[in-house]
Amino acid sequence: MGQGGFRELAQTGTDDGVMASPEPAPVEQLDNRLLAARARAEILGAIFDGRFEGKLPSEDKLAAMLNISRTTVRTALQSLERDGVVTRQRAIGTLINPHVRPSSLTLQRLVGFDGLLEERGYAVEVDVGWAWETPPDDVLTAFDLDSESEYCVIRKAYFADGTLALSILDAVPREAIADDQLPEQIDPSLFTFSERKMKTPIHHAVVKLVPKAKDGRNSRLEVADGTPFLRMHEVHYSARGEAIAYSVIDADDSYVSLEVVRTQ
């Protein structure tokens, strides 16, 4: 390169055979996994918006549409295939599985709860608030958490046509968060929050279904005492299998109906 250009990013060695330390990169490397996740989200959104009928365009066409590489598109499609959204067949292409809908993908976090409620025809509003505090006793007990520790507790309320359909409490240990200076507004998706603000992003989660009945103040749901509802205890893990966040989700099943897709 001419004067003023980038220096070589690494050297293979020196004249005396000793390896030289690599030069620092002038720019940060982009994480292809995050780019593929964004591509997957765009493709999934297009499927639910009806922009693709039964079949996706070729990898080359999708790459051009999204302005990304074909390799990134392939990674996104492989992820969607693992989640049961599409089926890829040689000489035919990538087919959209006919059973796919938000109610069958919400637990996999491919679709947010807002998308699930909107699919059922509701006008959706989401209220989100957070504070540094210790979670309520029932949350501490459910996950065997340390009552002396401090957490970022995020409370979310999903309203369907003005009625509370989902009440969610997320608890993220302070030590799992990269920066104490959190913004006033937090994204409702805990997965998105983990990518932006946690030291390690959430890789997967395990959900335990806990049938409940409304009993006084055991839930924010606007149902009469004695009415059954579904509670979900969700533990979020890093790629290394470390528990890094916890969620309690109360769902009014007159608004929220969940299905599970099992893949081979």
C-alpha atoms as a PDB file:
ATOM      1  CA  MET A   1       0.000   0.000   0.000  1.00  0.00           C
ATOM      2  CA  GLY A   2       1.099   3.573  -0.500  1.00  0.00           C
ATOM      3  CA  GLN A   3       1.974   5.972   2.267  1.00  0.00           C
ATOM      4  CA  GLY A   4      -0.951   6.596   4.623  1.00  0.00           C
ATOM      5  CA  GLY A   5      -2.639   3.255   3.871  1.00  0.00           C
ATOM      6  CA  PHE A   6      -3.368   0.440   6.369  1.00  0.00           C
ATOM      7  CA  ARG A   7      -0.329  -1.467   7.602  1.00  0.00           C
ATOM      8  CA  GLU A   8      -0.422  -5.240   7.301  1.00  0.00           C
ATOM      9  CA  LEU A   9      -2.635  -6.764  10.004  1.00  0.00           C
ATOM     10  CA  ALA A  10      -0.191  -9.556  10.852  1.00  0.00           C
ATOM     11  CA  GLN A  11       3.329 -10.672  10.120  1.00  0.00           C
ATOM     12  CA  THR A  12       4.497 -14.234   9.635  1.00  0.00           C
ATOM     13  CA  GLY A  13       7.840 -13.709  11.344  1.00  0.00           C
ATOM     14  CA  THR A  14      11.027 -11.703  11.562  1.00  0.00           C
ATOM     15  CA  ASP A  15      14.439 -12.194  10.029  1.00  0.00           C
ATOM     16  CA  ASP A  16      15.696 -14.051  13.106  1.00  0.00           C
ATOM     17  CA  GLY A  17      12.799 -16.522  12.997  1.00  0.00           C
ATOM     18  CA  VAL A  18      10.958 -15.078  16.007  1.00  0.00           C
ATOM     19  CA  MET A  19       7.248 -14.495  15.482  1.00  0.00           C
ATOM     20  CA  ALA A  20       6.323 -10.834  15.706  1.00  0.00           C
ATOM     21  CA  SER A  21       3.250  -9.643  17.561  1.00  0.00           C
ATOM     22  CA  PRO A  22       0.346  -8.980  15.204  1.00  0.00           C
ATOM     23  CA  GLU A  23      -0.477  -5.374  14.518  1.00  0.00           C
ATOM     24  CA  PRO A  24      -3.794  -4.210  16.007  1.00  0.00           C
ATOM     25  CA  ALA A  25      -6.607  -4.241  13.491  1.00  0.00           C
ATOM     26  CA  PRO A  26      -7.601  -0.742  12.333  1.00  0.00           C
ATOM     27  CA  VAL A  27     -11.290  -1.691  12.535  1.00  0.00           C
ATOM     28  CA  GLU A  28     -13.270  -4.106  14.676  1.00  0.00           C
ATOM     29  CA  GLN A  29     -14.352  -7.377  13.141  1.00  0.00           C
ATOM     30  CA  LEU A  30     -18.073  -7.804  12.563  1.00  0.00           C
ATOM     31  CA  ASP A  31     -19.737 -10.756  14.247  1.00  0.00           C
ATOM     32  CA  ASN A  32     -21.215 -12.818  11.409  1.00  0.00           C
ATOM     33  CA  ARG A  33     -23.505 -14.635  13.856  1.00  0.00           C
ATOM     34  CA  LEU A  34     -25.296 -11.412  14.709  1.00  0.00           C
ATOM     35  CA  LEU A  35     -25.576 -10.502  11.032  1.00  0.00           C
ATOM     36  CA  ALA A  36     -27.071 -13.925  10.285  1.00  0.00           C
ATOM     37  CA  ALA A  37     -29.515 -13.486  13.182  1.00  0.00           C
ATOM     38  CA  ARG A  38     -30.642 -10.154  11.730  1.00  0.00           C
ATOM     39  CA  ALA A  39     -31.057 -11.769   8.318  1.00  0.00           C
ATOM     40  CA  ARG A  40     -33.097 -14.569   9.868  1.00  0.00           C
ATOM     41  CA  ALA A  41     -35.351 -12.034  11.593  1.00  0.00           C
ATOM     42  CA  GLU A  42     -35.906 -10.139   8.322  1.00  0.00           C
ATOM     43  CA  ILE A  43     -36.747 -13.321   6.415  1.00  0.00           C
ATOM     44  CA  LEU A  44     -39.089 -14.504   9.169  1.00  0.00           C
ATOM     45  CA  GLY A  45     -40.845 -11.147   9.238  1.00  0.00           C
ATOM     46  CA  ALA A  46     -41.341 -11.302   5.475  1.00  0.00           C
ATOM     47  CA  ILE A  47     -42.833 -14.802   5.791  1.00  0.00           C
ATOM     48  CA  PHE A  48     -45.408 -13.649   8.348  1.00  0.00           C
ATOM     49  CA  ASP A  49     -46.171 -10.499   6.356  1.00  0.00           C
ATOM     50  CA  GLY A  50     -47.084 -12.723   3.381  1.00  0.00           C
ATOM     51  CA  ARG A  51     -44.333 -11.355   1.155  1.00  0.00           C
ATOM     52  CA  PHE A  52     -43.290 -14.893   0.217  1.00  0.00           C
ATOM     53  CA  GLU A  53     -45.834 -17.440  -0.937  1.00  0.00           C
ATOM     54  CA  GLY A  54     -44.951 -21.010  -0.072  1.00  0.00           C
ATOM     55  CA  LYS A  55     -41.313 -20.750  -1.108  1.00  0.00           C
ATOM     56  CA  LEU A  56     -38.354 -18.449  -0.526  1.00  0.00           C
ATOM     57  CA  PRO A  57     -36.246 -16.945  -3.318  1.00  0.00           C
ATOM     58  CA  SER A  58     -32.834 -18.448  -4.041  1.00  0.00           C
ATOM     59  CA  GLU A  59     -29.873 -17.734  -1.764  1.00  0.00           C
ATOM     60  CA  ASP A  60     -28.415 -15.397  -4.394  1.00  0.00           C
ATOM     61  CA  LYS A  61     -31.639 -13.374  -4.629  1.00  0.00           C
ATOM     62  CA  LEU A  62     -32.041 -13.193  -0.855  1.00  0.00           C
ATOM     63  CA  ALA A  63     -28.427 -12.061  -0.526  1.00  0.00           C
ATOM     64  CA  ALA A  64     -29.072  -9.273  -3.040  1.00  0.00           C
ATOM     65  CA  MET A  65     -32.329  -8.260  -1.306  1.00  0.00           C
ATOM     66  CA  LEU A  66     -30.631  -8.063   2.103  1.00  0.00           C
ATOM     67  CA  ASN A  67     -27.313  -6.695   0.784  1.00  0.00           C
ATOM     68  CA  ILE A  68     -25.331  -9.419   2.550  1.00  0.00           C
ATOM     69  CA  SER A  69     -23.216 -12.371   1.476  1.00  0.00           C
ATOM     70  CA  ARG A  70     -24.642 -15.665   0.304  1.00  0.00           C
ATOM     71  CA  THR A  71     -22.784 -17.373   3.160  1.00  0.00           C
ATOM     72  CA  THR A  72     -24.668 -15.260   5.729  1.00  0.00           C
ATOM     73  CA  VAL A  73     -27.971 -16.036   4.007  1.00  0.00           C
ATOM     74  CA  ARG A  74     -27.164 -19.762   4.095  1.00  0.00           C
ATOM     75  CA  THR A  75     -26.445 -19.549   7.833  1.00  0.00           C
ATOM     76  CA  ALA A  76     -29.784 -17.790   8.419  1.00  0.00           C
ATOM     77  CA  LEU A  77     -31.680 -20.379   6.378  1.00  0.00           C
ATOM     78  CA  GLN A  78     -29.980 -23.263   8.187  1.00  0.00           C
ATOM     79  CA  SER A  79     -31.108 -21.721  11.472  1.00  0.00           C
ATOM     80  CA  LEU A  80     -34.693 -21.403  10.235  1.00  0.00           C
ATOM     81  CA  GLU A  81     -34.607 -25.012   9.058  1.00  0.00           C
ATOM     82  CA  ARG A  82     -33.432 -26.201  12.500  1.00  0.00           C
ATOM     83  CA  ASP A  83     -36.335 -24.316  14.059  1.00  0.00           C
ATOM     84  CA  GLY A  84     -38.880 -25.974  11.764  1.00  0.00           C
ATOM     85  CA  VAL A  85     -39.776 -22.834   9.843  1.00  0.00           C
ATOM     86  CA  VAL A  86     -38.576 -23.970   6.415  1.00  0.00           C
ATOM     87  CA  THR A  87     -37.600 -27.170   4.633  1.00  0.00           C
ATOM     88  CA  ARG A  88     -34.740 -27.120   2.142  1.00  0.00           C
ATOM     89  CA  GLN A  89     -34.873 -29.600  -0.727  1.00  0.00           C
ATOM     90  CA  ARG A  90     -32.284 -30.076  -3.426  1.00  0.00           C
ATOM     91  CA  ALA A  91     -33.455 -28.973  -6.897  1.00  0.00           C
ATOM     92  CA  ILE A  92     -36.650 -27.561  -5.379  1.00  0.00           C
ATOM     93  CA  GLY A  93     -35.466 -24.811  -3.054  1.00  0.00           C
ATOM     94  CA  THR A  94     -36.471 -23.567   0.375  1.00  0.00           C
ATOM     95  CA  LEU A  95     -40.108 -24.282   1.171  1.00  0.00           C
ATOM     96  CA  ILE A  96     -42.048 -22.490   3.907  1.00  0.00           C
ATOM     97  CA  ASN A  97     -43.620 -25.065   6.212  1.00  0.00           C
ATOM     98  CA  PRO A  98     -47.416 -24.587   6.107  1.00  0.00           C
ATOM     99  CA  HIS A  99     -47.888 -25.052   9.873  1.00  0.00           C
ATOM    100  CA  VAL A 100     -45.647 -22.099  10.741  1.00  0.00           C
ATOM    101  CA  ARG A 101     -47.387 -19.282  12.625  1.00  0.00           C
ATOM    102  CA  PRO A 102     -46.501 -17.058  15.599  1.00  0.00           C
ATOM    103  CA  SER A 103     -48.292 -19.273  18.139  1.00  0.00           C
ATOM    104  CA  SER A 104     -45.936 -22.135  17.294  1.00  0.00           C
ATOM    105  CA  LEU A 105     -42.755 -20.034  17.370  1.00  0.00           C
ATOM    106  CA  THR A 106     -43.131 -17.709  20.338  1.00  0.00           C
ATOM    107  CA  LEU A 107     -41.549 -20.075  22.858  1.00  0.00           C
ATOM    108  CA  GLN A 108     -38.582 -20.412  20.502  1.00  0.00           C
ATOM    109  CA  ARG A 109     -38.279 -16.614  20.589  1.00  0.00           C
ATOM    110  CA  LEU A 110     -38.421 -16.456  16.808  1.00  0.00           C
ATOM    111  CA  VAL A 111     -41.542 -14.344  17.221  1.00  0.00           C
ATOM    112  CA  GLY A 112     -42.175 -11.909  20.047  1.00  0.00           C
ATOM    113  CA  PHE A 113     -45.340 -11.915  22.120  1.00  0.00           C
ATOM    114  CA  ASP A 114     -46.426  -8.720  20.391  1.00  0.00           C
ATOM    115  CA  GLY A 115     -46.323 -10.514  17.032  1.00  0.00           C
ATOM    116  CA  LEU A 116     -48.366 -13.376  18.475  1.00  0.00           C
ATOM    117  CA  LEU A 117     -51.077 -11.006  19.746  1.00  0.00           C
ATOM    118  CA  GLU A 118     -51.102  -9.000  16.515  1.00  0.00           C
ATOM    119  CA  GLU A 119     -51.575 -12.212  14.514  1.00  0.00           C
ATOM    120  CA  ARG A 120     -54.755 -12.815  16.511  1.00  0.00           C
ATOM    121  CA  GLY A 121     -56.068  -9.398  15.524  1.00  0.00           C
ATOM    122  CA  TYR A 122     -55.437  -7.403  18.701  1.00  0.00           C
ATOM    123  CA  ALA A 123     -54.161  -3.866  18.957  1.00  0.00           C
ATOM    124  CA  VAL A 124     -51.019  -4.258  21.069  1.00  0.00           C
ATOM    125  CA  GLU A 125     -49.343  -1.911  23.533  1.00  0.00           C
ATOM    126  CA  VAL A 126     -46.256  -2.805  25.566  1.00  0.00           C
ATOM    127  CA  ASP A 127     -45.210  -1.072  28.790  1.00  0.00           C
ATOM    128  CA  VAL A 128     -41.623  -1.649  29.937  1.00  0.00           C
ATOM    129  CA  GLY A 129     -39.949  -0.442  33.124  1.00  0.00           C
ATOM    130  CA  TRP A 130     -36.821  -1.434  35.011  1.00  0.00           C
ATOM    131  CA  ALA A 131     -34.978  -0.870  38.288  1.00  0.00           C
ATOM    132  CA  TRP A 132     -31.912  -2.114  40.187  1.00  0.00           C
ATOM    133  CA  GLU A 133     -33.450  -4.172  42.992  1.00  0.00           C
ATOM    134  CA  THR A 134     -33.927  -7.622  44.512  1.00  0.00           C
ATOM    135  CA  PRO A 135     -36.672  -9.663  42.788  1.00  0.00           C
ATOM    136  CA  PRO A 136     -39.838 -10.572  44.748  1.00  0.00           C
ATOM    137  CA  ASP A 137     -39.660 -13.538  47.111  1.00  0.00           C
ATOM    138  CA  ASP A 138     -41.614 -15.878  44.827  1.00  0.00           C
ATOM    139  CA  VAL A 139     -39.121 -15.236  42.000  1.00  0.00           C
ATOM    140  CA  LEU A 140     -36.150 -15.801  44.323  1.00  0.00           C
ATOM    141  CA  THR A 141     -37.702 -19.094  45.450  1.00  0.00           C
ATOM    142  CA  ALA A 142     -38.639 -20.276  41.940  1.00  0.00           C
ATOM    143  CA  PHE A 143     -35.047 -19.975  40.698  1.00  0.00           C
ATOM    144  CA  ASP A 144     -33.167 -20.382  44.010  1.00  0.00           C
ATOM    145  CA  LEU A 145     -31.601 -16.934  43.631  1.00  0.00           C
ATOM    146  CA  ASP A 146     -29.430 -15.105  46.144  1.00  0.00           C
ATOM    147  CA  SER A 147     -31.587 -12.648  48.092  1.00  0.00           C
ATOM    148  CA  GLU A 148     -28.536 -10.530  48.949  1.00  0.00           C
ATOM    149  CA  SER A 149     -27.611  -9.866  45.319  1.00  0.00           C
ATOM    150  CA  GLU A 150     -28.832  -7.002  43.153  1.00  0.00           C
ATOM    151  CA  TYR A 151     -30.539  -7.505  39.813  1.00  0.00           C
ATOM    152  CA  CYS A 152     -31.790  -5.476  36.918  1.00  0.00           C
ATOM    153  CA  VAL A 153     -35.484  -6.269  37.252  1.00  0.00           C
ATOM    154  CA  ILE A 154     -37.451  -5.570  34.068  1.00  0.00           C
ATOM    155  CA  ARG A 155     -41.244  -5.541  34.236  1.00  0.00           C
ATOM    156  CA  LYS A 156     -43.212  -5.802  31.010  1.00  0.00           C
ATOM    157  CA  ALA A 157     -46.946  -5.669  30.378  1.00  0.00           C
ATOM    158  CA  TYR A 158     -48.458  -6.629  27.024  1.00  0.00           C
ATOM    159  CA  PHE A 159     -51.942  -5.192  26.482  1.00  0.00           C
ATOM    160  CA  ALA A 160     -54.331  -6.614  23.873  1.00  0.00           C
ATOM    161  CA  ASP A 161     -57.130  -4.178  23.024  1.00  0.00           C
ATOM    162  CA  GLY A 162     -56.447  -2.478  26.347  1.00  0.00           C
ATOM    163  CA  THR A 163     -56.547  -5.634  28.509  1.00  0.00           C
ATOM    164  CA  LEU A 164     -53.457  -7.102  30.158  1.00  0.00           C
ATOM    165  CA  ALA A 165     -52.722 -10.316  28.260  1.00  0.00           C
ATOM    166  CA  LEU A 166     -49.154 -11.003  29.443  1.00  0.00           C
ATOM    167  CA  SER A 167     -47.210  -9.966  32.515  1.00  0.00           C
ATOM    168  CA  ILE A 168     -43.446 -10.600  32.460  1.00  0.00           C
ATOM    169  CA  LEU A 169     -40.724 -10.093  35.040  1.00  0.00           C
ATOM    170  CA  ASP A 170     -37.094 -10.525  33.964  1.00  0.00           C
ATOM    171  CA  ALA A 171     -34.274 -10.670  36.499  1.00  0.00           C
ATOM    172  CA  VAL A 172     -30.701 -10.162  35.269  1.00  0.00           C
ATOM    173  CA  PRO A 173     -27.869 -10.362  37.857  1.00  0.00           C
ATOM    174  CA  ARG A 174     -25.831  -7.160  38.030  1.00  0.00           C
ATOM    175  CA  GLU A 175     -22.609  -9.069  37.352  1.00  0.00           C
ATOM    176  CA  ALA A 176     -24.028 -10.290  34.012  1.00  0.00           C
ATOM    177  CA  ILE A 177     -24.513  -6.739  32.720  1.00  0.00           C
ATOM    178  CA  ALA A 178     -21.668  -4.985  30.945  1.00  0.00           C
ATOM    179  CA  ASP A 179     -22.632  -1.400  31.769  1.00  0.00           C
ATOM    180  CA  ASP A 180     -24.594  -0.109  34.755  1.00  0.00           C
ATOM    181  CA  GLN A 181     -25.656   2.935  32.747  1.00  0.00           C
ATOM    182  CA  LEU A 182     -28.769   1.483  31.169  1.00  0.00           C
ATOM    183  CA  PRO A 183     -30.990   3.569  28.887  1.00  0.00           C
ATOM    184  CA  GLU A 184     -34.322   4.899  30.074  1.00  0.00           C
ATOM    185  CA  GLN A 185     -36.078   2.811  27.425  1.00  0.00           C
ATOM    186  CA  ILE A 186     -35.257  -0.913  27.221  1.00  0.00           C
ATOM    187  CA  ASP A 187     -36.196  -3.213  24.340  1.00  0.00           C
ATOM    188  CA  PRO A 188     -39.004  -5.601  25.357  1.00  0.00           C
ATOM    189  CA  SER A 189     -37.015  -8.564  23.984  1.00  0.00           C
ATOM    190  CA  LEU A 190     -34.642  -9.927  26.627  1.00  0.00           C
ATOM    191  CA  PHE A 191     -32.633 -11.584  23.836  1.00  0.00           C
ATOM    192  CA  THR A 192     -32.071  -8.175  22.208  1.00  0.00           C
ATOM    193  CA  PHE A 193     -31.239  -6.674  25.605  1.00  0.00           C
ATOM    194  CA  SER A 194     -28.638  -9.399  26.161  1.00  0.00           C
ATOM    195  CA  GLU A 195     -26.954  -8.682  22.818  1.00  0.00           C
ATOM    196  CA  ARG A 196     -26.726  -4.962  23.538  1.00  0.00           C
ATOM    197  CA  LYS A 197     -26.159  -4.714  27.276  1.00  0.00           C
ATOM    198  CA  MET A 198     -25.035  -8.024  28.765  1.00  0.00           C
ATOM    199  CA  LYS A 199     -21.469  -9.338  28.910  1.00  0.00           C
ATOM    200  CA  THR A 200     -22.601 -12.542  27.201  1.00  0.00           C
ATOM    201  CA  PRO A 201     -25.667 -12.772  24.933  1.00  0.00           C
ATOM    202  CA  ILE A 202     -28.372 -15.305  25.645  1.00  0.00           C
ATOM    203  CA  HIS A 203     -27.843 -18.429  23.579  1.00  0.00           C
ATOM    204  CA  HIS A 204     -30.851 -20.522  24.611  1.00  0.00           C
ATOM    205  CA  ALA A 205     -33.494 -20.829  27.300  1.00  0.00           C
ATOM    206  CA  VAL A 206     -35.320 -23.595  29.140  1.00  0.00           C
ATOM    207  CA  VAL A 207     -38.988 -23.045  29.946  1.00  0.00           C
ATOM    208  CA  LYS A 208     -40.940 -24.788  32.691  1.00  0.00           C
ATOM    209  CA  LEU A 209     -44.738 -24.572  32.394  1.00  0.00           C
ATOM    210  CA  VAL A 210     -46.462 -24.006  35.743  1.00  0.00           C
ATOM    211  CA  PRO A 211     -50.303 -24.099  35.717  1.00  0.00           C
ATOM    212  CA  LYS A 212     -51.733 -21.551  38.175  1.00  0.00           C
ATOM    213  CA  ALA A 213     -55.033 -20.127  39.348  1.00  0.00           C
ATOM    214  CA  LYS A 214     -55.521 -16.478  40.254  1.00  0.00           C
ATOM    215  CA  ASP A 215     -55.489 -16.094  43.999  1.00  0.00           C
ATOM    216  CA  GLY A 216     -55.610 -12.559  45.265  1.00  0.00           C
ATOM    217  CA  ARG A 217     -52.327 -10.858  44.352  1.00  0.00           C
ATOM    218  CA  ASN A 218     -50.341 -13.756  42.871  1.00  0.00           C
ATOM    219  CA  SER A 219     -50.508 -12.230  39.366  1.00  0.00           C
ATOM    220  CA  ARG A 220     -51.035  -8.886  37.664  1.00  0.00           C
ATOM    221  CA  LEU A 221     -53.384 -10.510  35.145  1.00  0.00           C
ATOM    222  CA  GLU A 222     -56.849  -8.956  35.114  1.00  0.00           C
ATOM    223  CA  VAL A 223     -58.798 -12.157  35.751  1.00  0.00           C
ATOM    224  CA  ALA A 224     -61.144 -13.160  38.554  1.00  0.00           C
ATOM    225  CA  ASP A 225     -59.912 -15.152  41.534  1.00  0.00           C
ATOM    226  CA  GLY A 226     -59.971 -18.868  40.776  1.00  0.00           C
ATOM    227  CA  THR A 227     -59.395 -18.327  37.043  1.00  0.00           C
ATOM    228  CA  PRO A 228     -56.625 -20.594  35.688  1.00  0.00           C
ATOM    229  CA  PHE A 229     -53.689 -19.092  33.837  1.00  0.00           C
ATOM    230  CA  LEU A 230     -50.351 -20.303  32.521  1.00  0.00           C
ATOM    231  CA  ARG A 231     -47.118 -19.299  34.248  1.00  0.00           C
ATOM    232  CA  MET A 232     -43.748 -19.932  32.625  1.00  0.00           C
ATOM    233  CA  HIS A 233     -40.460 -20.077  34.519  1.00  0.00           C
ATOM    234  CA  GLU A 234     -37.690 -19.412  32.013  1.00  0.00           C
ATOM    235  CA  VAL A 235     -33.955 -19.741  32.640  1.00  0.00           C
ATOM    236  CA  HIS A 236     -31.704 -18.111  30.044  1.00  0.00           C
ATOM    237  CA  TYR A 237     -28.271 -19.570  29.348  1.00  0.00           C
ATOM    238  CA  SER A 238     -25.079 -18.449  27.636  1.00  0.00           C
ATOM    239  CA  ALA A 239     -23.448 -20.551  24.922  1.00  0.00           C
ATOM    240  CA  ARG A 240     -21.304 -22.102  27.684  1.00  0.00           C
ATOM    241  CA  GLY A 241     -24.379 -23.229  29.601  1.00  0.00           C
ATOM    242  CA  GLU A 242     -24.195 -20.592  32.339  1.00  0.00           C
ATOM    243  CA  ALA A 243     -27.498 -19.282  33.727  1.00  0.00           C
ATOM    244  CA  ILE A 244     -27.389 -15.523  33.119  1.00  0.00           C
ATOM    245  CA  ALA A 245     -31.025 -14.345  33.376  1.00  0.00           C
ATOM    246  CA  TYR A 246     -34.434 -15.453  34.628  1.00  0.00           C
ATOM    247  CA  SER A 247     -38.013 -14.730  33.597  1.00  0.00           C
ATOM    248  CA  VAL A 248     -41.484 -15.283  35.031  1.00  0.00           C
ATOM    249  CA  ILE A 249     -44.220 -15.000  32.405  1.00  0.00           C
ATOM    250  CA  ASP A 250     -47.945 -14.993  33.226  1.00  0.00           C
ATOM    251  CA  ALA A 251     -50.242 -15.475  30.229  1.00  0.00           C
ATOM    252  CA  ASP A 252     -54.004 -15.098  30.005  1.00  0.00           C
ATOM    253  CA  ASP A 253     -54.874 -18.014  27.718  1.00  0.00           C
ATOM    254  CA  SER A 254     -57.972 -16.250  26.434  1.00  0.00           C
ATOM    255  CA  TYR A 255     -55.501 -14.013  24.571  1.00  0.00           C
ATOM    256  CA  VAL A 256     -52.386 -16.163  24.266  1.00  0.00           C
ATOM    257  CA  SER A 257     -52.388 -19.716  22.901  1.00  0.00           C
ATOM    258  CA  LEU A 258     -48.999 -21.398  22.530  1.00  0.00           C
ATOM    259  CA  GLU A 259     -48.071 -24.387  20.411  1.00  0.00           C
ATOM    260  CA  VAL A 260     -44.853 -26.415  20.316  1.00  0.00           C
ATOM    261  CA  VAL A 261     -43.204 -27.547  17.082  1.00  0.00           C
ATOM    262  CA  ARG A 262     -41.025 -30.650  17.412  1.00  0.00           C
ATOM    263  CA  THR A 263     -38.353 -31.212  14.805  1.00  0.00           C
ATOM    264  CA  GLN A 264     -36.472 -34.387  14.021  1.00  0.00           C
END
